[in-house]
PDB file of N, CA and C in Angstrom:
ATOM      1  N   TYR A   1     -22.630  -0.059  -0.338  1.00  0.00           N
ATOM      2  CA  TYR A   1     -21.608   0.020   0.715  1.00  0.00           C
ATOM      3  C   TYR A   1     -20.223   0.014   0.084  1.00  0.00           C
ATOM      4  N   SER A   2     -19.365   0.901   0.542  1.00  0.00           N
ATOM      5  CA  SER A   2     -17.979   0.892   0.068  1.00  0.00           C
ATOM      6  C   SER A   2     -17.059   1.322   1.189  1.00  0.00           C
ATOM      7  N   SER A   3     -15.819   0.898   1.094  1.00  0.00           N
ATOM      8  CA  SER A   3     -14.813   1.283   2.074  1.00  0.00           C
ATOM      9  C   SER A   3     -13.730   2.057   1.361  1.00  0.00           C
ATOM     10  N   THR A   4     -12.852   2.648   2.122  1.00  0.00           N
ATOM     11  CA  THR A   4     -11.798   3.430   1.503  1.00  0.00           C
ATOM     12  C   THR A   4     -10.430   2.935   1.902  1.00  0.00           C
ATOM     13  N   CYS A   5      -9.504   2.998   0.970  1.00  0.00           N
ATOM     14  CA  CYS A   5      -8.103   2.731   1.261  1.00  0.00           C
ATOM     15  C   CYS A   5      -7.445   4.083   1.482  1.00  0.00           C
ATOM     16  N   LEU A   6      -6.839   4.266   2.616  1.00  0.00           N
ATOM     17  CA  LEU A   6      -6.272   5.562   2.961  1.00  0.00           C
ATOM     18  C   LEU A   6      -4.819   5.664   2.553  1.00  0.00           C
ATOM     19  N   LYS A   7      -4.342   6.882   2.380  1.00  0.00           N
ATOM     20  CA  LYS A   7      -2.940   7.084   2.020  1.00  0.00           C
ATOM     21  C   LYS A   7      -2.332   8.149   2.910  1.00  0.00           C
ATOM     22  N   CYS A   8      -1.033   8.119   3.037  1.00  0.00           N
ATOM     23  CA  CYS A   8      -0.323   9.094   3.832  1.00  0.00           C
ATOM     24  C   CYS A   8       0.875   9.605   3.058  1.00  0.00           C
ATOM     25  N   THR A   9       1.481  10.662   3.578  1.00  0.00           N
ATOM     26  CA  THR A   9       2.590  11.271   2.866  1.00  0.00           C
ATOM     27  C   THR A   9       3.908  10.562   3.141  1.00  0.00           C
ATOM     28  N   ASN A  10       4.069   9.959   4.294  1.00  0.00           N
ATOM     29  CA  ASN A  10       5.320   9.256   4.578  1.00  0.00           C
ATOM     30  C   ASN A  10       5.111   8.139   5.586  1.00  0.00           C
ATOM     31  N   LEU A  11       6.113   7.281   5.713  1.00  0.00           N
ATOM     32  CA  LEU A  11       5.987   6.089   6.540  1.00  0.00           C
ATOM     33  C   LEU A  11       5.785   6.396   8.014  1.00  0.00           C
ATOM     34  N   ASN A  12       6.286   7.552   8.461  1.00  0.00           N
ATOM     35  CA  ASN A  12       6.211   7.857   9.878  1.00  0.00           C
ATOM     36  C   ASN A  12       4.976   8.664  10.246  1.00  0.00           C
ATOM     37  N   ASP A  13       4.189   9.036   9.236  1.00  0.00           N
ATOM     38  CA  ASP A  13       3.010   9.852   9.457  1.00  0.00           C
ATOM     39  C   ASP A  13       1.827   8.958   9.779  1.00  0.00           C
ATOM     40  N   LYS A  14       1.258   9.095  10.937  1.00  0.00           N
ATOM     41  CA  LYS A  14       0.124   8.268  11.323  1.00  0.00           C
ATOM     42  C   LYS A  14      -1.204   8.990  11.081  1.00  0.00           C
ATOM     43  N   THR A  15      -1.148  10.164  10.468  1.00  0.00           N
ATOM     44  CA  THR A  15      -2.369  10.912  10.185  1.00  0.00           C
ATOM     45  C   THR A  15      -2.693  10.806   8.708  1.00  0.00           C
ATOM     46  N   CYS A  16      -3.898  10.394   8.390  1.00  0.00           N
ATOM     47  CA  CYS A  16      -4.260  10.187   6.994  1.00  0.00           C
ATOM     48  C   CYS A  16      -4.536  11.504   6.291  1.00  0.00           C
ATOM     49  N   GLU A  17      -4.119  11.563   5.043  1.00  0.00           N
ATOM     50  CA  GLU A  17      -4.396  12.723   4.208  1.00  0.00           C
ATOM     51  C   GLU A  17      -5.194  12.282   3.005  1.00  0.00           C
ATOM     52  N   GLY A  18      -6.497  12.420   3.088  1.00  0.00           N
ATOM     53  CA  GLY A  18      -7.319  12.096   1.937  1.00  0.00           C
ATOM     54  C   GLY A  18      -7.463  10.614   1.702  1.00  0.00           C
ATOM     55  N   VAL A  19      -8.032  10.283   0.586  1.00  0.00           N
ATOM     56  CA  VAL A  19      -8.334   8.900   0.249  1.00  0.00           C
ATOM     57  C   VAL A  19      -7.738   8.586  -1.112  1.00  0.00           C
ATOM     58  N   SER A  20      -7.043   7.467  -1.210  1.00  0.00           N
ATOM     59  CA  SER A  20      -6.414   7.132  -2.484  1.00  0.00           C
ATOM     60  C   SER A  20      -7.397   6.492  -3.451  1.00  0.00           C
ATOM     61  N   GLU A  21      -8.204   5.592  -2.968  1.00  0.00           N
ATOM     62  CA  GLU A  21      -9.176   4.926  -3.826  1.00  0.00           C
ATOM     63  C   GLU A  21     -10.372   4.494  -3.000  1.00  0.00           C
ATOM     64  N   THR A  22     -11.495   4.335  -3.650  1.00  0.00           N
ATOM     65  CA  THR A  22     -12.678   3.792  -2.992  1.00  0.00           C
ATOM     66  C   THR A  22     -12.849   2.350  -3.428  1.00  0.00           C
ATOM     67  N   CYS A  23     -12.945   1.452  -2.458  1.00  0.00           N
ATOM     68  CA  CYS A  23     -13.061   0.038  -2.758  1.00  0.00           C
ATOM     69  C   CYS A  23     -14.517  -0.368  -2.889  1.00  0.00           C
ATOM     70  N   LYS A  24     -14.760  -1.301  -3.799  1.00  0.00           N
ATOM     71  CA  LYS A  24     -16.091  -1.879  -3.893  1.00  0.00           C
ATOM     72  C   LYS A  24     -16.278  -2.858  -2.743  1.00  0.00           C
ATOM     73  N   ASP A  25     -17.503  -3.278  -2.570  1.00  0.00           N
ATOM     74  CA  ASP A  25     -17.818  -4.231  -1.516  1.00  0.00           C
ATOM     75  C   ASP A  25     -16.979  -5.500  -1.697  1.00  0.00           C
ATOM     76  N   ASN A  26     -16.483  -6.039  -0.601  1.00  0.00           N
ATOM     77  CA  ASN A  26     -15.712  -7.288  -0.581  1.00  0.00           C
ATOM     78  C   ASN A  26     -14.350  -7.188  -1.260  1.00  0.00           C
ATOM     79  N   SER A  27     -13.889  -5.989  -1.546  1.00  0.00           N
ATOM     80  CA  SER A  27     -12.570  -5.877  -2.154  1.00  0.00           C
ATOM     81  C   SER A  27     -11.509  -5.789  -1.063  1.00  0.00           C
ATOM     82  N   LYS A  28     -10.267  -5.729  -1.491  1.00  0.00           N
ATOM     83  CA  LYS A  28      -9.170  -5.725  -0.536  1.00  0.00           C
ATOM     84  C   LYS A  28      -8.271  -4.531  -0.771  1.00  0.00           C
ATOM     85  N   CYS A  29      -7.624  -4.114   0.270  1.00  0.00           N
ATOM     86  CA  CYS A  29      -6.563  -3.127   0.129  1.00  0.00           C
ATOM     87  C   CYS A  29      -5.262  -3.884  -0.098  1.00  0.00           C
ATOM     88  N   PHE A  30      -4.553  -3.491  -1.110  1.00  0.00           N
ATOM     89  CA  PHE A  30      -3.306  -4.153  -1.463  1.00  0.00           C
ATOM     90  C   PHE A  30      -2.139  -3.230  -1.134  1.00  0.00           C
ATOM     91  N   VAL A  31      -1.223  -3.717  -0.322  1.00  0.00           N
ATOM     92  CA  VAL A  31      -0.061  -2.929   0.077  1.00  0.00           C
ATOM     93  C   VAL A  31       1.149  -3.432  -0.694  1.00  0.00           C
ATOM     94  N   LYS A  32       1.772  -2.564  -1.476  1.00  0.00           N
ATOM     95  CA  LYS A  32       2.889  -2.957  -2.325  1.00  0.00           C
ATOM     96  C   LYS A  32       4.103  -2.082  -2.017  1.00  0.00           C
ATOM     97  N   SER A  33       5.251  -2.718  -1.834  1.00  0.00           N
ATOM     98  CA  SER A  33       6.486  -1.980  -1.565  1.00  0.00           C
ATOM     99  C   SER A  33       7.486  -2.198  -2.692  1.00  0.00           C
ATOM    100  N   ASP A  34       8.048  -1.111  -3.193  1.00  0.00           N
ATOM    101  CA  ASP A  34       9.066  -1.186  -4.237  1.00  0.00           C
ATOM    102  C   ASP A  34      10.362  -0.571  -3.727  1.00  0.00           C
ATOM    103  N   ARG A  35      11.473  -1.254  -4.000  1.00  0.00           N
ATOM    104  CA  ARG A  35      12.786  -0.710  -3.642  1.00  0.00           C
ATOM    105  C   ARG A  35      13.492  -0.236  -4.896  1.00  0.00           C
ATOM    106  N   SER A  36      14.040   0.969  -4.842  1.00  0.00           N
ATOM    107  CA  SER A  36      14.679   1.535  -6.023  1.00  0.00           C
ATOM    108  C   SER A  36      15.937   0.770  -6.427  1.00  0.00           C
ATOM    109  N   ASP A  37      16.548   0.043  -5.484  1.00  0.00           N
ATOM    110  CA  ASP A  37      17.765  -0.693  -5.817  1.00  0.00           C
ATOM    111  C   ASP A  37      17.472  -2.085  -6.381  1.00  0.00           C
ATOM    112  N   PHE A  38      16.216  -2.489  -6.373  1.00  0.00           N
ATOM    113  CA  PHE A  38      15.817  -3.759  -6.986  1.00  0.00           C
ATOM    114  C   PHE A  38      14.638  -3.510  -7.909  1.00  0.00           C
ATOM    115  N   PRO A  39      14.860  -2.908  -9.071  1.00  0.00           N
ATOM    116  CA  PRO A  39      13.756  -2.581  -9.974  1.00  0.00           C
ATOM    117  C   PRO A  39      12.986  -3.823 -10.404  1.00  0.00           C
ATOM    118  N   GLY A  40      11.675  -3.708 -10.421  1.00  0.00           N
ATOM    119  CA  GLY A  40      10.851  -4.820 -10.881  1.00  0.00           C
ATOM    120  C   GLY A  40      10.484  -5.806  -9.796  1.00  0.00           C
ATOM    121  N   GLU A  41      11.198  -5.775  -8.694  1.00  0.00           N
ATOM    122  CA  GLU A  41      10.863  -6.664  -7.589  1.00  0.00           C
ATOM    123  C   GLU A  41      10.077  -5.873  -6.551  1.00  0.00           C
ATOM    124  N   HIS A  42       9.104  -6.525  -5.949  1.00  0.00           N
ATOM    125  CA  HIS A  42       8.379  -5.849  -4.885  1.00  0.00           C
ATOM    126  C   HIS A  42       7.875  -6.858  -3.861  1.00  0.00           C
ATOM    127  N   SER A  43       7.721  -6.380  -2.662  1.00  0.00           N
ATOM    128  CA  SER A  43       7.103  -7.198  -1.627  1.00  0.00           C
ATOM    129  C   SER A  43       5.671  -6.701  -1.465  1.00  0.00           C
ATOM    130  N   SER A  44       4.795  -7.604  -1.080  1.00  0.00           N
ATOM    131  CA  SER A  44       3.386  -7.277  -1.086  1.00  0.00           C
ATOM    132  C   SER A  44       2.687  -7.885   0.111  1.00  0.00           C
ATOM    133  N   ALA A  45       1.569  -7.303   0.447  1.00  0.00           N
ATOM    134  CA  ALA A  45       0.728  -7.860   1.501  1.00  0.00           C
ATOM    135  C   ALA A  45      -0.709  -7.471   1.211  1.00  0.00           C
ATOM    136  N   ILE A  46      -1.616  -8.359   1.478  1.00  0.00           N
ATOM    137  CA  ILE A  46      -3.033  -8.066   1.305  1.00  0.00           C
ATOM    138  C   ILE A  46      -3.619  -7.758   2.674  1.00  0.00           C
ATOM    139  N   VAL A  47      -4.350  -6.674   2.745  1.00  0.00           N
ATOM    140  CA  VAL A  47      -5.101  -6.382   3.955  1.00  0.00           C
ATOM    141  C   VAL A  47      -6.528  -6.831   3.676  1.00  0.00           C
ATOM    142  N   LYS A  48      -6.965  -7.866   4.365  1.00  0.00           N
ATOM    143  CA  LYS A  48      -8.273  -8.451   4.092  1.00  0.00           C
ATOM    144  C   LYS A  48      -9.370  -7.431   4.396  1.00  0.00           C
ATOM    145  N   GLY A  49     -10.158  -7.138   3.379  1.00  0.00           N
ATOM    146  CA  GLY A  49     -11.192  -6.133   3.553  1.00  0.00           C
ATOM    147  C   GLY A  49     -10.572  -4.764   3.593  1.00  0.00           C
ATOM    148  N   CYS A  50     -11.263  -3.789   3.093  1.00  0.00           N
ATOM    149  CA  CYS A  50     -10.685  -2.453   3.102  1.00  0.00           C
ATOM    150  C   CYS A  50     -10.741  -1.870   4.498  1.00  0.00           C
ATOM    151  N   VAL A  51      -9.837  -0.968   4.768  1.00  0.00           N
ATOM    152  CA  VAL A  51      -9.760  -0.377   6.092  1.00  0.00           C
ATOM    153  C   VAL A  51      -9.966   1.122   5.997  1.00  0.00           C
ATOM    154  N   ASP A  52     -10.544   1.673   7.022  1.00  0.00           N
ATOM    155  CA  ASP A  52     -10.679   3.121   7.069  1.00  0.00           C
ATOM    156  C   ASP A  52     -10.130   3.611   8.400  1.00  0.00           C
ATOM    157  N   ASP A  53      -9.098   2.930   8.863  1.00  0.00           N
ATOM    158  CA  ASP A  53      -8.470   3.244  10.139  1.00  0.00           C
ATOM    159  C   ASP A  53      -7.100   3.831   9.861  1.00  0.00           C
ATOM    160  N   THR A  54      -6.655   4.752  10.690  1.00  0.00           N
ATOM    161  CA  THR A  54      -5.390   5.423  10.440  1.00  0.00           C
ATOM    162  C   THR A  54      -4.190   4.503  10.592  1.00  0.00           C
ATOM    163  N   ILE A  55      -4.362   3.321  11.169  1.00  0.00           N
ATOM    164  CA  ILE A  55      -3.237   2.418  11.375  1.00  0.00           C
ATOM    165  C   ILE A  55      -2.569   2.050  10.055  1.00  0.00           C
ATOM    166  N   ILE A  56      -3.354   1.990   8.973  1.00  0.00           N
ATOM    167  CA  ILE A  56      -2.788   1.612   7.679  1.00  0.00           C
ATOM    168  C   ILE A  56      -1.798   2.669   7.198  1.00  0.00           C
ATOM    169  N   CYS A  57      -1.879   3.864   7.735  1.00  0.00           N
ATOM    170  CA  CYS A  57      -1.005   4.934   7.271  1.00  0.00           C
ATOM    171  C   CYS A  57       0.459   4.627   7.528  1.00  0.00           C
ATOM    172  N   GLY A  58       0.745   3.774   8.476  1.00  0.00           N
ATOM    173  CA  GLY A  58       2.125   3.419   8.736  1.00  0.00           C
ATOM    174  C   GLY A  58       2.783   2.686   7.580  1.00  0.00           C
ATOM    175  N   TYR A  59       1.989   2.250   6.607  1.00  0.00           N
ATOM    176  CA  TYR A  59       2.531   1.466   5.503  1.00  0.00           C
ATOM    177  C   TYR A  59       2.593   2.242   4.195  1.00  0.00           C
ATOM    178  N   ALA A  60       2.193   3.518   4.216  1.00  0.00           N
ATOM    179  CA  ALA A  60       2.088   4.246   2.950  1.00  0.00           C
ATOM    180  C   ALA A  60       3.086   5.381   2.887  1.00  0.00           C
ATOM    181  N   GLY A  61       3.675   5.572   1.741  1.00  0.00           N
ATOM    182  CA  GLY A  61       4.594   6.679   1.554  1.00  0.00           C
ATOM    183  C   GLY A  61       5.938   6.198   1.056  1.00  0.00           C
ATOM    184  N   SER A  62       6.959   6.998   1.303  1.00  0.00           N
ATOM    185  CA  SER A  62       8.297   6.604   0.866  1.00  0.00           C
ATOM    186  C   SER A  62       9.293   6.807   1.998  1.00  0.00           C
ATOM    187  N   LEU A  63      10.356   6.027   1.947  1.00  0.00           N
ATOM    188  CA  LEU A  63      11.360   6.052   2.997  1.00  0.00           C
ATOM    189  C   LEU A  63      12.729   5.899   2.350  1.00  0.00           C
ATOM    190  N   ASP A  64      13.641   6.799   2.663  1.00  0.00           N
ATOM    191  CA  ASP A  64      14.996   6.700   2.140  1.00  0.00           C
ATOM    192  C   ASP A  64      15.875   5.963   3.135  1.00  0.00           C
ATOM    193  N   ILE A  65      16.605   4.970   2.648  1.00  0.00           N
ATOM    194  CA  ILE A  65      17.544   4.262   3.516  1.00  0.00           C
ATOM    195  C   ILE A  65      18.957   4.518   3.008  1.00  0.00           C
ATOM    196  N   GLY A  66      19.866   4.770   3.915  1.00  0.00           N
ATOM    197  CA  GLY A  66      21.241   5.088   3.538  1.00  0.00           C
ATOM    198  C   GLY A  66      22.155   3.889   3.662  1.00  0.00           C
ATOM    199  N   GLY A  67      23.379   4.137   4.071  1.00  0.00           N
ATOM    200  CA  GLY A  67      24.342   3.050   4.206  1.00  0.00           C
ATOM    201  C   GLY A  67      25.087   2.804   2.914  1.00  0.00           C
ATOM    202  N   THR A  68      25.625   1.606   2.779  1.00  0.00           N
ATOM    203  CA  THR A  68      26.434   1.294   1.601  1.00  0.00           C
ATOM    204  C   THR A  68      25.569   1.088   0.360  1.00  0.00           C
ATOM    205  N   ASN A  69      24.301   0.779   0.555  1.00  0.00           N
ATOM    206  CA  ASN A  69      23.387   0.593  -0.569  1.00  0.00           C
ATOM    207  C   ASN A  69      22.166   1.495  -0.407  1.00  0.00           C
ATOM    208  N   PRO A  70      22.335   2.792  -0.639  1.00  0.00           N
ATOM    209  CA  PRO A  70      21.211   3.701  -0.445  1.00  0.00           C
ATOM    210  C   PRO A  70      20.068   3.395  -1.410  1.00  0.00           C
ATOM    211  N   ALA A  71      18.868   3.532  -0.937  1.00  0.00           N
ATOM    212  CA  ALA A  71      17.709   3.228  -1.768  1.00  0.00           C
ATOM    213  C   ALA A  71      16.493   3.965  -1.229  1.00  0.00           C
ATOM    214  N   THR A  72      15.493   4.052  -2.060  1.00  0.00           N
ATOM    215  CA  THR A  72      14.209   4.582  -1.637  1.00  0.00           C
ATOM    216  C   THR A  72      13.186   3.458  -1.689  1.00  0.00           C
ATOM    217  N   ILE A  73      12.470   3.284  -0.596  1.00  0.00           N
ATOM    218  CA  ILE A  73      11.395   2.305  -0.551  1.00  0.00           C
ATOM    219  C   ILE A  73      10.074   3.052  -0.682  1.00  0.00           C
ATOM    220  N   THR A  74       9.319   2.726  -1.709  1.00  0.00           N
ATOM    221  CA  THR A  74       8.037   3.383  -1.931  1.00  0.00           C
ATOM    222  C   THR A  74       6.921   2.383  -1.704  1.00  0.00           C
ATOM    223  N   THR A  75       6.008   2.731  -0.851  1.00  0.00           N
ATOM    224  CA  THR A  75       4.902   1.842  -0.521  1.00  0.00           C
ATOM    225  C   THR A  75       3.588   2.500  -0.920  1.00  0.00           C
ATOM    226  N   SER A  76       2.756   1.754  -1.614  1.00  0.00           N
ATOM    227  CA  SER A  76       1.471   2.285  -2.028  1.00  0.00           C
ATOM    228  C   SER A  76       0.357   1.346  -1.602  1.00  0.00           C
ATOM    229  N   ILE A  77      -0.810   1.896  -1.407  1.00  0.00           N
ATOM    230  CA  ILE A  77      -1.980   1.117  -1.041  1.00  0.00           C
ATOM    231  C   ILE A  77      -3.003   1.264  -2.151  1.00  0.00           C
ATOM    232  N   LYS A  78      -3.414   0.145  -2.717  1.00  0.00           N
ATOM    233  CA  LYS A  78      -4.374   0.170  -3.815  1.00  0.00           C
ATOM    234  C   LYS A  78      -5.529  -0.765  -3.488  1.00  0.00           C
ATOM    235  N   CYS A  79      -6.589  -0.620  -4.248  1.00  0.00           N
ATOM    236  CA  CYS A  79      -7.703  -1.549  -4.133  1.00  0.00           C
ATOM    237  C   CYS A  79      -7.574  -2.604  -5.213  1.00  0.00           C
ATOM    238  N   CYS A  80      -7.989  -3.818  -4.907  1.00  0.00           N
ATOM    239  CA  CYS A  80      -8.036  -4.838  -5.943  1.00  0.00           C
ATOM    240  C   CYS A  80      -9.297  -5.651  -5.767  1.00  0.00           C
ATOM    241  N   ASP A  81      -9.834  -6.121  -6.872  1.00  0.00           N
ATOM    242  CA  ASP A  81     -11.038  -6.955  -6.871  1.00  0.00           C
ATOM    243  C   ASP A  81     -10.787  -8.177  -7.741  1.00  0.00           C
ATOM    244  N   GLY A  82     -11.073  -9.345  -7.239  1.00  0.00           N
ATOM    245  CA  GLY A  82     -11.044 -10.557  -8.047  1.00  0.00           C
ATOM    246  C   GLY A  82      -9.751 -10.762  -8.801  1.00  0.00           C
ATOM    247  N   ASP A  83      -9.824 -10.693 -10.134  1.00  0.00           N
ATOM    248  CA  ASP A  83      -8.667 -10.976 -10.970  1.00  0.00           C
ATOM    249  C   ASP A  83      -7.532  -9.989 -10.721  1.00  0.00           C
ATOM    250  N   ASP A  84      -7.870  -8.768 -10.337  1.00  0.00           N
ATOM    251  CA  ASP A  84      -6.834  -7.800 -10.000  1.00  0.00           C
ATOM    252  C   ASP A  84      -5.935  -8.344  -8.906  1.00  0.00           C
ATOM    253  N   CYS A  85      -6.551  -8.909  -7.876  1.00  0.00           N
ATOM    254  CA  CYS A  85      -5.782  -9.461  -6.763  1.00  0.00           C
ATOM    255  C   CYS A  85      -4.928 -10.633  -7.230  1.00  0.00           C
ATOM    256  N   ASN A  86      -5.463 -11.439  -8.137  1.00  0.00           N
ATOM    257  CA  ASN A  86      -4.732 -12.608  -8.610  1.00  0.00           C
ATOM    258  C   ASN A  86      -3.458 -12.217  -9.345  1.00  0.00           C
ATOM    259  N   SER A  87      -3.477 -11.070  -9.994  1.00  0.00           N
ATOM    260  CA  SER A  87      -2.294 -10.656 -10.738  1.00  0.00           C
ATOM    261  C   SER A  87      -1.135 -10.345  -9.797  1.00  0.00           C
ATOM    262  N   PHE A  88      -1.442 -10.123  -8.526  1.00  0.00           N
ATOM    263  CA  PHE A  88      -0.394  -9.880  -7.545  1.00  0.00           C
ATOM    264  C   PHE A  88      -0.011 -11.162  -6.823  1.00  0.00           C
ATOM    265  N   GLY A  89      -0.572 -12.292  -7.258  1.00  0.00           N
ATOM    266  CA  GLY A  89      -0.241 -13.553  -6.627  1.00  0.00           C
ATOM    267  C   GLY A  89      -1.114 -13.883  -5.434  1.00  0.00           C
ATOM    268  N   TYR A  90      -2.239 -13.215  -5.317  1.00  0.00           N
ATOM    269  CA  TYR A  90      -3.156 -13.484  -4.209  1.00  0.00           C
ATOM    270  C   TYR A  90      -4.525 -13.833  -4.763  1.00  0.00           C
ATOM    271  N   ASP A  91      -5.286 -14.568  -3.988  1.00  0.00           N
ATOM    272  CA  ASP A  91      -6.648 -14.826  -4.432  1.00  0.00           C
ATOM    273  C   ASP A  91      -7.654 -14.352  -3.389  1.00  0.00           C
TER     274      ASP A  91
END
């Protein structure tokens, strides 16, 4: 048995395009966001159990924000198992 972590082309796209990774049983989908104006820092969230629902697509892709501090926010969805998850600060 395996589940899939889905990916999308942009944050506003609710339709999935293909599969980014196949998760092993009991693994998690890891959602990571990086901001171009804060290199090396990222915000993260664990989605318990892998999902194969299009709702996750709202979290994948990139988004440009303007204003006085323009930046690009890139969000990716990956699979993690055991120690992989721990490296992101989750168990």
